[in-house]
Amino acid sequence: MSASLVIAILLSGLLTGALARLAVPGPDPMPLWLTVAIGLAGSIVGAVVARALFHDNGYVVSFGSLFVAIGLVVAYRRYVQKRPVWGAEALRFPQRGLGVDVYRDRLRKLGLDPDATAPAPADVEKARLRAMIEELHRAGLLDDEERDAKLATLDTRRTSTT
């Protein structure tokens, strides 16, 4: 096996693993080798299953590989990091996992609190409503006075989480 083939296989694993990590919302700090391993495992298992079921259809093999890699990221999050895949808690920085302590230390050295990196659900909701009000204004459905009144109401509104 030539060195260029090995490098191509590793890059393919890295790309598949990185895409799988991007497909799952929230931070998933993990070492580079684990991203490559997830991508390679997803590629191998997905390719074998897709080829057995769909007779070498290239698109199915590619998507099958990606879906298996996404499943591995989800399993890693649920069973190693012990955190949800969806919802507000999925957006929080993990407490456990391979390399998480190193990433937490790096963030602290930069002056960032890893437990405060995710926005509070109320802040997310207010930002979403603010964007909707601005869009209604741009569309001409709210004039300047109405927009300003709605934004002032939004700014003074208390939520159950604040």
C-alpha atoms as a PDB file:
ATOM      1  CA  MET A   1       0.000   0.000   0.000  1.00  0.00           C
ATOM      2  CA  SER A   2       1.506   3.323  -1.014  1.00  0.00           C
ATOM      3  CA  ALA A   3       1.827   6.326   1.266  1.00  0.00           C
ATOM      4  CA  SER A   4      -0.475   8.402  -0.945  1.00  0.00           C
ATOM      5  CA  LEU A   5      -3.248   5.787  -0.595  1.00  0.00           C
ATOM      6  CA  VAL A   6      -2.897   5.780   3.195  1.00  0.00           C
ATOM      7  CA  ILE A   7      -3.044   9.582   3.256  1.00  0.00           C
ATOM      8  CA  ALA A   8      -6.128   9.569   1.008  1.00  0.00           C
ATOM      9  CA  ILE A   9      -7.865   7.040   3.285  1.00  0.00           C
ATOM     10  CA  LEU A  10      -7.041   9.089   6.393  1.00  0.00           C
ATOM     11  CA  LEU A  11      -8.254  12.309   4.762  1.00  0.00           C
ATOM     12  CA  SER A  12     -11.463  10.574   3.722  1.00  0.00           C
ATOM     13  CA  GLY A  13     -11.956   9.406   7.305  1.00  0.00           C
ATOM     14  CA  LEU A  14     -11.265  12.896   8.606  1.00  0.00           C
ATOM     15  CA  LEU A  15     -13.775  14.440   6.197  1.00  0.00           C
ATOM     16  CA  THR A  16     -16.479  11.887   7.001  1.00  0.00           C
ATOM     17  CA  GLY A  17     -15.873  12.234  10.753  1.00  0.00           C
ATOM     18  CA  ALA A  18     -15.885  16.031  10.574  1.00  0.00           C
ATOM     19  CA  LEU A  19     -19.145  16.061   8.603  1.00  0.00           C
ATOM     20  CA  ALA A  20     -20.688  13.661  11.118  1.00  0.00           C
ATOM     21  CA  ARG A  21     -19.652  15.931  13.985  1.00  0.00           C
ATOM     22  CA  LEU A  22     -21.126  18.961  12.201  1.00  0.00           C
ATOM     23  CA  ALA A  23     -24.421  17.138  11.663  1.00  0.00           C
ATOM     24  CA  VAL A  24     -24.987  16.746  15.407  1.00  0.00           C
ATOM     25  CA  PRO A  25     -25.808  20.078  17.105  1.00  0.00           C
ATOM     26  CA  GLY A  26     -23.683  21.305  19.983  1.00  0.00           C
ATOM     27  CA  PRO A  27     -19.989  21.105  20.834  1.00  0.00           C
ATOM     28  CA  ASP A  28     -18.249  17.753  20.629  1.00  0.00           C
ATOM     29  CA  PRO A  29     -14.630  18.340  21.565  1.00  0.00           C
ATOM     30  CA  MET A  30     -12.631  15.248  20.768  1.00  0.00           C
ATOM     31  CA  PRO A  31      -9.110  14.509  19.626  1.00  0.00           C
ATOM     32  CA  LEU A  32      -8.336  14.523  15.910  1.00  0.00           C
ATOM     33  CA  TRP A  33      -7.593  10.793  15.977  1.00  0.00           C
ATOM     34  CA  LEU A  34     -11.108  10.087  17.307  1.00  0.00           C
ATOM     35  CA  THR A  35     -12.691  12.142  14.521  1.00  0.00           C
ATOM     36  CA  VAL A  36     -10.682  10.136  11.971  1.00  0.00           C
ATOM     37  CA  ALA A  37     -11.570   6.854  13.704  1.00  0.00           C
ATOM     38  CA  ILE A  38     -15.292   7.691  13.669  1.00  0.00           C
ATOM     39  CA  GLY A  39     -15.056   8.647   9.997  1.00  0.00           C
ATOM     40  CA  LEU A  40     -13.165   5.479   9.063  1.00  0.00           C
ATOM     41  CA  ALA A  41     -15.476   3.207  11.063  1.00  0.00           C
ATOM     42  CA  GLY A  42     -18.523   4.896   9.557  1.00  0.00           C
ATOM     43  CA  SER A  43     -17.051   4.589   6.074  1.00  0.00           C
ATOM     44  CA  ILE A  44     -16.235   0.906   6.434  1.00  0.00           C
ATOM     45  CA  VAL A  45     -19.488  -0.192   8.084  1.00  0.00           C
ATOM     46  CA  GLY A  46     -21.634   2.063   5.908  1.00  0.00           C
ATOM     47  CA  ALA A  47     -19.923   0.894   2.729  1.00  0.00           C
ATOM     48  CA  VAL A  48     -20.254  -2.801   3.603  1.00  0.00           C
ATOM     49  CA  VAL A  49     -23.945  -2.502   4.484  1.00  0.00           C
ATOM     50  CA  ALA A  50     -24.782  -0.266   1.510  1.00  0.00           C
ATOM     51  CA  ARG A  51     -22.945  -2.521  -0.944  1.00  0.00           C
ATOM     52  CA  ALA A  52     -24.689  -5.595   0.412  1.00  0.00           C
ATOM     53  CA  LEU A  53     -28.121  -4.005   0.169  1.00  0.00           C
ATOM     54  CA  PHE A  54     -27.799  -1.757  -2.886  1.00  0.00           C
ATOM     55  CA  HIS A  55     -25.169  -3.417  -5.104  1.00  0.00           C
ATOM     56  CA  ASP A  56     -22.377  -0.817  -5.318  1.00  0.00           C
ATOM     57  CA  ASN A  57     -24.516   2.288  -5.794  1.00  0.00           C
ATOM     58  CA  GLY A  58     -21.949   5.036  -5.135  1.00  0.00           C
ATOM     59  CA  TYR A  59     -24.421   7.552  -3.734  1.00  0.00           C
ATOM     60  CA  VAL A  60     -25.908   5.056  -1.311  1.00  0.00           C
ATOM     61  CA  VAL A  61     -22.440   3.956  -0.189  1.00  0.00           C
ATOM     62  CA  SER A  62     -21.404   7.579   0.467  1.00  0.00           C
ATOM     63  CA  PHE A  63     -24.557   8.526   2.336  1.00  0.00           C
ATOM     64  CA  GLY A  64     -24.581   5.205   4.198  1.00  0.00           C
ATOM     65  CA  SER A  65     -21.044   5.883   5.378  1.00  0.00           C
ATOM     66  CA  LEU A  66     -21.985   9.365   6.560  1.00  0.00           C
ATOM     67  CA  PHE A  67     -25.129   8.159   8.358  1.00  0.00           C
ATOM     68  CA  VAL A  68     -23.218   5.439  10.194  1.00  0.00           C
ATOM     69  CA  ALA A  69     -20.582   8.014  11.223  1.00  0.00           C
ATOM     70  CA  ILE A  70     -23.354  10.332  12.473  1.00  0.00           C
ATOM     71  CA  GLY A  71     -24.748   7.408  14.464  1.00  0.00           C
ATOM     72  CA  LEU A  72     -21.321   6.866  16.016  1.00  0.00           C
ATOM     73  CA  VAL A  73     -21.111  10.543  17.053  1.00  0.00           C
ATOM     74  CA  VAL A  74     -24.601  10.298  18.574  1.00  0.00           C
ATOM     75  CA  ALA A  75     -23.612   7.114  20.430  1.00  0.00           C
ATOM     76  CA  TYR A  76     -20.413   8.777  21.678  1.00  0.00           C
ATOM     77  CA  ARG A  77     -22.414  11.713  22.982  1.00  0.00           C
ATOM     78  CA  ARG A  78     -25.076   9.576  24.677  1.00  0.00           C
ATOM     79  CA  TYR A  79     -22.925   6.823  26.165  1.00  0.00           C
ATOM     80  CA  VAL A  80     -19.492   8.401  26.691  1.00  0.00           C
ATOM     81  CA  GLN A  81     -20.316  12.059  27.310  1.00  0.00           C
ATOM     82  CA  LYS A  82     -23.676  11.157  28.931  1.00  0.00           C
ATOM     83  CA  ARG A  83     -25.529  14.123  27.451  1.00  0.00           C
ATOM     84  CA  PRO A  84     -28.543  14.613  25.194  1.00  0.00           C
ATOM     85  CA  VAL A  85     -28.361  14.916  21.436  1.00  0.00           C
ATOM     86  CA  TRP A  86     -31.088  17.583  21.078  1.00  0.00           C
ATOM     87  CA  GLY A  87     -32.323  20.515  23.124  1.00  0.00           C
ATOM     88  CA  ALA A  88     -30.706  23.220  25.207  1.00  0.00           C
ATOM     89  CA  GLU A  89     -28.515  20.806  27.164  1.00  0.00           C
ATOM     90  CA  ALA A  90     -27.006  19.513  23.913  1.00  0.00           C
ATOM     91  CA  LEU A  91     -25.581  23.005  23.312  1.00  0.00           C
ATOM     92  CA  ARG A  92     -23.650  23.016  26.572  1.00  0.00           C
ATOM     93  CA  PHE A  93     -19.975  22.109  26.728  1.00  0.00           C
ATOM     94  CA  PRO A  94     -19.584  18.471  27.854  1.00  0.00           C
ATOM     95  CA  GLN A  95     -18.304  17.495  31.289  1.00  0.00           C
ATOM     96  CA  ARG A  96     -16.743  14.169  30.220  1.00  0.00           C
ATOM     97  CA  GLY A  97     -15.331  12.465  27.172  1.00  0.00           C
ATOM     98  CA  LEU A  98     -12.005  11.870  25.486  1.00  0.00           C
ATOM     99  CA  GLY A  99      -9.971  15.078  25.559  1.00  0.00           C
ATOM    100  CA  VAL A 100     -12.694  17.179  27.185  1.00  0.00           C
ATOM    101  CA  ASP A 101     -10.498  18.078  30.178  1.00  0.00           C
ATOM    102  CA  VAL A 102      -7.795  19.379  27.827  1.00  0.00           C
ATOM    103  CA  TYR A 103     -10.292  21.543  25.944  1.00  0.00           C
ATOM    104  CA  ARG A 104     -11.806  22.824  29.205  1.00  0.00           C
ATOM    105  CA  ASP A 105      -8.328  23.835  30.435  1.00  0.00           C
ATOM    106  CA  ARG A 106      -7.577  25.584  27.137  1.00  0.00           C
ATOM    107  CA  LEU A 107     -10.803  27.586  27.359  1.00  0.00           C
ATOM    108  CA  ARG A 108     -10.068  28.581  30.962  1.00  0.00           C
ATOM    109  CA  LYS A 109      -6.551  29.728  30.008  1.00  0.00           C
ATOM    110  CA  LEU A 110      -8.148  31.934  27.360  1.00  0.00           C
ATOM    111  CA  GLY A 111     -10.366  33.443  30.049  1.00  0.00           C
ATOM    112  CA  LEU A 112     -13.541  31.666  28.919  1.00  0.00           C
ATOM    113  CA  ASP A 113     -15.842  29.679  31.144  1.00  0.00           C
ATOM    114  CA  PRO A 114     -16.704  26.423  29.325  1.00  0.00           C
ATOM    115  CA  ASP A 115     -19.950  26.153  31.267  1.00  0.00           C
ATOM    116  CA  ALA A 116     -21.084  29.592  30.090  1.00  0.00           C
ATOM    117  CA  THR A 117     -20.364  29.110  26.372  1.00  0.00           C
ATOM    118  CA  ALA A 118     -23.929  28.157  25.419  1.00  0.00           C
ATOM    119  CA  PRO A 119     -26.527  30.925  25.419  1.00  0.00           C
ATOM    120  CA  ALA A 120     -29.324  30.616  27.931  1.00  0.00           C
ATOM    121  CA  PRO A 121     -32.605  29.419  26.392  1.00  0.00           C
ATOM    122  CA  ALA A 122     -34.266  32.771  27.199  1.00  0.00           C
ATOM    123  CA  ASP A 123     -31.505  34.655  25.365  1.00  0.00           C
ATOM    124  CA  VAL A 124     -31.920  32.429  22.324  1.00  0.00           C
ATOM    125  CA  GLU A 125     -35.679  33.012  22.333  1.00  0.00           C
ATOM    126  CA  LYS A 126     -35.284  36.785  22.644  1.00  0.00           C
ATOM    127  CA  ALA A 127     -32.756  36.860  19.794  1.00  0.00           C
ATOM    128  CA  ARG A 128     -35.142  34.841  17.617  1.00  0.00           C
ATOM    129  CA  LEU A 129     -38.051  37.192  18.377  1.00  0.00           C
ATOM    130  CA  ARG A 130     -35.851  40.249  17.754  1.00  0.00           C
ATOM    131  CA  ALA A 131     -34.884  38.847  14.346  1.00  0.00           C
ATOM    132  CA  MET A 132     -38.545  38.213  13.510  1.00  0.00           C
ATOM    133  CA  ILE A 133     -39.491  41.779  14.426  1.00  0.00           C
ATOM    134  CA  GLU A 134     -36.664  43.138  12.253  1.00  0.00           C
ATOM    135  CA  GLU A 135     -37.764  40.926   9.350  1.00  0.00           C
ATOM    136  CA  LEU A 136     -41.357  42.184   9.647  1.00  0.00           C
ATOM    137  CA  HIS A 137     -40.005  45.729   9.574  1.00  0.00           C
ATOM    138  CA  ARG A 138     -37.892  45.048   6.468  1.00  0.00           C
ATOM    139  CA  ALA A 139     -40.910  43.491   4.768  1.00  0.00           C
ATOM    140  CA  GLY A 140     -42.907  46.675   5.409  1.00  0.00           C
ATOM    141  CA  LEU A 141     -45.408  45.078   7.771  1.00  0.00           C
ATOM    142  CA  LEU A 142     -44.208  47.167  10.720  1.00  0.00           C
ATOM    143  CA  ASP A 143     -43.366  50.852  10.531  1.00  0.00           C
ATOM    144  CA  ASP A 144     -40.515  52.388  12.566  1.00  0.00           C
ATOM    145  CA  GLU A 145     -42.704  53.283  15.546  1.00  0.00           C
ATOM    146  CA  GLU A 146     -44.290  49.828  15.708  1.00  0.00           C
ATOM    147  CA  ARG A 147     -40.888  48.144  15.456  1.00  0.00           C
ATOM    148  CA  ASP A 148     -39.438  50.331  18.212  1.00  0.00           C
ATOM    149  CA  ALA A 149     -42.437  49.645  20.460  1.00  0.00           C
ATOM    150  CA  LYS A 150     -42.206  45.892  19.898  1.00  0.00           C
ATOM    151  CA  LEU A 151     -38.444  45.885  20.576  1.00  0.00           C
ATOM    152  CA  ALA A 152     -38.960  47.947  23.757  1.00  0.00           C
ATOM    153  CA  THR A 153     -41.625  45.498  24.909  1.00  0.00           C
ATOM    154  CA  LEU A 154     -39.304  42.593  24.171  1.00  0.00           C
ATOM    155  CA  ASP A 155     -36.446  44.209  26.105  1.00  0.00           C
ATOM    156  CA  THR A 156     -38.601  44.776  29.194  1.00  0.00           C
ATOM    157  CA  ARG A 157     -40.295  41.387  29.041  1.00  0.00           C
ATOM    158  CA  ARG A 158     -39.311  38.968  31.765  1.00  0.00           C
ATOM    159  CA  THR A 159     -39.129  35.276  31.055  1.00  0.00           C
ATOM    160  CA  SER A 160     -39.552  32.378  33.425  1.00  0.00           C
ATOM    161  CA  THR A 161     -35.835  31.494  33.162  1.00  0.00           C
ATOM    162  CA  THR A 162     -34.419  34.957  33.961  1.00  0.00           C
END
